[in-house]
Amino acid sequence: MDGRASPLRLEVNPWTLDHSLHEALLLREAYIAALGTVETILTELAIRASWLPSYSTARLAFPKRRGDRIGYLRKIAILPGPLLPYASILLSIIDRYEAENQRRDMLAHGRMQVLTMHGGGARIKLRGFSAMGKEIAMREDVFWIDDFRHAVHKRTRMSRAVDRLYDRLDVHLPEFINIEARAAAGLS
């Protein structure tokens, strides 16, 4: 740059080079966005499927928490209905999505430092805290940016695959109508 600090400079480490920081930030956002897309699609599939008579007995009310919504989709994927032919792929996607939740939360909420190494490589360090009952846990992840680039590539491929699956399932599910419109139409 021209001597001014980058507007993206979140670092307190003055030795981190801008190109390392910019790549880490781009990768961080791509990872979060990819898993956010997967979560939104899984949630919409769960909502739309819940309106079908074949899945109506599997719920009393639609789950509000992320884990409960995904658990609901896991439950109905194996019931007789339009999702059953896609159950194995849906369950595989849910497993992969759930395996990434802890890292996704760390990337979304954790403190990140990028350490440019001699020779041009960079390491990313993430630190976050979570409450587990009465205990507070601190987690720290450290990884090379090259490894993270590979992980991001896998998540963006997963996101695209889930988007393609959604297109195939779309014809089997009721059209999405917001809650107020459904109530006005007398739909549950």
Protein backbone atom coordinates (compact mmCIF):
# COMPACT_ATOMS: atom_id res chain seq x y z
CA MET A 1 0.00 0.00 0.00
CA ASP A 2 1.08 3.63 -0.03
CA GLY A 3 2.19 3.81 3.61
CA ARG A 4 -1.33 4.00 5.04
CA ALA A 5 -2.72 1.16 7.08
CA SER A 6 -5.15 -1.07 5.24
CA PRO A 7 -8.80 -0.65 6.28
CA LEU A 8 -8.81 -4.45 6.66
CA ARG A 9 -6.02 -4.41 9.25
CA LEU A 10 -7.57 -6.13 12.25
CA GLU A 11 -4.19 -7.21 13.50
CA VAL A 12 -2.30 -5.85 16.44
CA ASN A 13 0.77 -7.61 15.07
CA PRO A 14 2.65 -5.00 12.98
CA TRP A 15 4.77 -7.71 11.33
CA THR A 16 1.86 -9.37 9.56
CA LEU A 17 2.07 -8.58 5.88
CA ASP A 18 -1.04 -7.17 4.21
CA HIS A 19 -1.24 -9.93 1.59
CA SER A 20 -1.30 -12.63 4.32
CA LEU A 21 -3.95 -10.77 6.28
CA HIS A 22 -6.12 -10.12 3.22
CA GLU A 23 -6.00 -13.76 2.14
CA ALA A 24 -6.82 -14.96 5.66
CA LEU A 25 -9.80 -12.60 5.85
CA LEU A 26 -11.06 -13.67 2.42
CA LEU A 27 -10.72 -17.34 3.30
CA ARG A 28 -12.40 -16.79 6.66
CA GLU A 29 -15.39 -15.15 5.00
CA ALA A 30 -15.61 -17.81 2.27
CA TYR A 31 -15.67 -20.57 4.90
CA ILE A 32 -18.37 -18.84 6.95
CA ALA A 33 -20.42 -18.00 3.84
CA ALA A 34 -20.22 -21.56 2.49
CA LEU A 35 -21.46 -23.10 5.74
CA GLY A 36 -24.06 -20.35 6.13
CA THR A 37 -25.43 -21.29 2.71
CA VAL A 38 -25.57 -24.96 3.69
CA GLU A 39 -27.33 -24.12 6.96
CA THR A 40 -29.90 -21.91 5.23
CA ILE A 41 -30.67 -24.54 2.60
CA LEU A 42 -31.01 -27.31 5.21
CA THR A 43 -33.29 -25.05 7.26
CA GLU A 44 -35.47 -24.24 4.25
CA LEU A 45 -35.69 -27.92 3.32
CA ALA A 46 -36.79 -28.70 6.89
CA ILE A 47 -39.38 -25.91 6.88
CA ARG A 48 -40.87 -26.79 3.51
CA ALA A 49 -40.88 -30.53 4.23
CA SER A 50 -42.62 -29.91 7.56
CA TRP A 51 -45.65 -28.65 5.63
CA LEU A 52 -46.14 -32.01 3.90
CA PRO A 53 -48.66 -34.45 5.37
CA SER A 54 -46.07 -37.25 5.23
CA TYR A 55 -43.94 -35.40 7.80
CA SER A 56 -46.65 -33.70 9.87
CA THR A 57 -46.58 -36.33 12.63
CA ALA A 58 -42.85 -35.79 13.18
CA ARG A 59 -43.34 -32.39 14.82
CA LEU A 60 -45.64 -30.48 17.11
CA ALA A 61 -44.00 -27.14 16.40
CA PHE A 62 -41.14 -26.23 14.13
CA PRO A 63 -37.82 -26.17 16.02
CA LYS A 64 -36.33 -22.73 16.63
CA ARG A 65 -32.71 -23.64 17.48
CA ARG A 66 -30.21 -24.45 14.73
CA GLY A 67 -29.31 -27.88 16.10
CA ASP A 68 -32.95 -28.82 16.61
CA ARG A 69 -33.89 -27.81 13.05
CA ILE A 70 -31.07 -29.89 11.61
CA GLY A 71 -32.05 -32.77 13.93
CA TYR A 72 -35.62 -32.51 12.65
CA LEU A 73 -34.41 -32.75 9.04
CA ARG A 74 -32.25 -35.75 9.99
CA LYS A 75 -35.35 -37.39 11.54
CA ILE A 76 -37.70 -36.85 8.61
CA ALA A 77 -35.14 -37.71 5.90
CA ILE A 78 -35.61 -41.41 6.70
CA LEU A 79 -39.42 -41.33 6.90
CA PRO A 80 -41.57 -42.32 3.93
CA GLY A 81 -42.02 -39.24 1.76
CA PRO A 82 -40.31 -37.26 -0.97
CA LEU A 83 -37.02 -36.91 0.95
CA LEU A 84 -36.52 -40.66 1.39
CA PRO A 85 -34.80 -41.24 -2.00
CA TYR A 86 -32.30 -38.54 -0.98
CA ALA A 87 -31.89 -39.69 2.64
CA SER A 88 -28.34 -41.00 2.36
CA ILE A 89 -27.03 -37.84 0.72
CA LEU A 90 -29.00 -35.60 3.12
CA LEU A 91 -27.66 -37.48 6.14
CA SER A 92 -24.12 -37.29 4.76
CA ILE A 93 -24.46 -33.53 4.25
CA ILE A 94 -25.90 -33.08 7.76
CA ASP A 95 -23.01 -35.09 9.25
CA ARG A 96 -20.44 -32.99 7.40
CA TYR A 97 -22.22 -29.76 8.32
CA GLU A 98 -22.44 -30.68 12.02
CA ALA A 99 -18.76 -31.68 12.07
CA GLU A 100 -17.89 -28.13 10.96
CA ASN A 101 -20.05 -26.19 13.45
CA GLN A 102 -17.36 -25.71 16.07
CA ARG A 103 -14.81 -24.36 13.58
CA ARG A 104 -17.48 -22.26 11.86
CA ASP A 105 -18.45 -20.69 15.18
CA MET A 106 -14.80 -20.05 15.98
CA LEU A 107 -14.27 -18.38 12.60
CA ALA A 108 -17.42 -16.31 12.97
CA HIS A 109 -16.83 -15.16 16.53
CA GLY A 110 -13.22 -15.81 17.46
CA ARG A 111 -10.28 -13.46 17.63
CA MET A 112 -7.98 -14.04 14.68
CA GLN A 113 -4.31 -13.32 14.34
CA VAL A 114 -2.30 -13.90 11.19
CA LEU A 115 1.40 -14.50 11.54
CA THR A 116 3.47 -14.06 8.40
CA MET A 117 6.36 -16.50 8.52
CA HIS A 118 9.84 -16.19 7.11
CA GLY A 119 9.70 -17.42 3.52
CA GLY A 120 6.21 -16.11 2.84
CA GLY A 121 3.95 -18.66 4.50
CA ALA A 122 1.44 -17.64 7.11
CA ARG A 123 -0.19 -19.17 10.15
CA ILE A 124 -3.67 -18.33 11.40
CA LYS A 125 -4.43 -18.38 15.10
CA LEU A 126 -8.03 -18.29 16.33
CA ARG A 127 -9.11 -17.93 19.94
CA GLY A 128 -12.64 -18.08 21.28
CA PHE A 129 -14.58 -18.68 24.47
CA SER A 130 -17.76 -20.59 25.13
CA ALA A 131 -19.89 -21.28 28.17
CA MET A 132 -20.63 -24.91 28.90
CA GLY A 133 -22.95 -25.07 31.86
CA LYS A 134 -21.11 -23.40 34.73
CA GLU A 135 -17.74 -23.71 33.01
CA ILE A 136 -16.11 -21.32 30.58
CA ALA A 137 -13.90 -22.93 27.98
CA MET A 138 -11.22 -21.29 25.88
CA ARG A 139 -10.35 -22.82 22.55
CA GLU A 140 -7.41 -21.99 20.35
CA ASP A 141 -6.78 -23.28 16.82
CA VAL A 142 -3.57 -22.67 14.92
CA PHE A 143 -3.11 -23.75 11.30
CA TRP A 144 -1.19 -22.93 8.15
CA ILE A 145 -2.93 -20.74 5.60
CA ASP A 146 -2.25 -23.34 2.86
CA ASP A 147 -4.16 -25.96 4.88
CA PHE A 148 -6.96 -23.49 5.50
CA ARG A 149 -7.16 -22.68 1.78
CA HIS A 150 -7.71 -26.40 1.12
CA ALA A 151 -10.40 -26.62 3.85
CA VAL A 152 -12.19 -23.59 2.39
CA HIS A 153 -12.13 -25.15 -1.07
CA LYS A 154 -13.78 -28.28 0.34
CA ARG A 155 -16.51 -26.20 2.05
CA THR A 156 -17.27 -24.12 -1.04
CA ARG A 157 -17.58 -27.35 -3.08
CA MET A 158 -19.94 -28.69 -0.40
CA SER A 159 -21.99 -25.50 -0.60
CA ARG A 160 -22.34 -25.82 -4.38
CA ALA A 161 -23.30 -29.50 -4.07
CA VAL A 162 -25.99 -28.70 -1.48
CA ASP A 163 -27.31 -25.94 -3.76
CA ARG A 164 -27.60 -28.45 -6.63
CA LEU A 165 -29.37 -30.94 -4.33
CA TYR A 166 -31.79 -28.21 -3.29
CA ASP A 167 -32.64 -27.62 -6.96
CA ARG A 168 -33.47 -31.33 -7.33
CA LEU A 169 -35.61 -31.39 -4.16
CA ASP A 170 -37.40 -28.11 -4.91
CA VAL A 171 -40.02 -29.77 -7.14
CA HIS A 172 -40.97 -32.25 -4.39
CA LEU A 173 -41.69 -29.66 -1.70
CA PRO A 174 -44.41 -27.06 -1.18
CA GLU A 175 -43.58 -23.55 -2.29
CA PHE A 176 -42.09 -21.40 0.44
CA ILE A 177 -44.65 -18.90 1.71
CA ASN A 178 -43.88 -16.69 4.69
CA ILE A 179 -45.70 -17.32 7.96
CA GLU A 180 -48.19 -14.44 7.65
CA ALA A 181 -49.20 -15.48 4.13
CA ARG A 182 -49.56 -19.13 5.21
CA ALA A 183 -51.80 -18.12 8.12
CA ALA A 184 -53.91 -15.88 5.87
CA ALA A 185 -54.33 -18.80 3.44
CA GLY A 186 -55.36 -21.13 6.29
CA LEU A 187 -52.23 -23.31 5.92
CA SER A 188 -50.28 -24.69 8.90
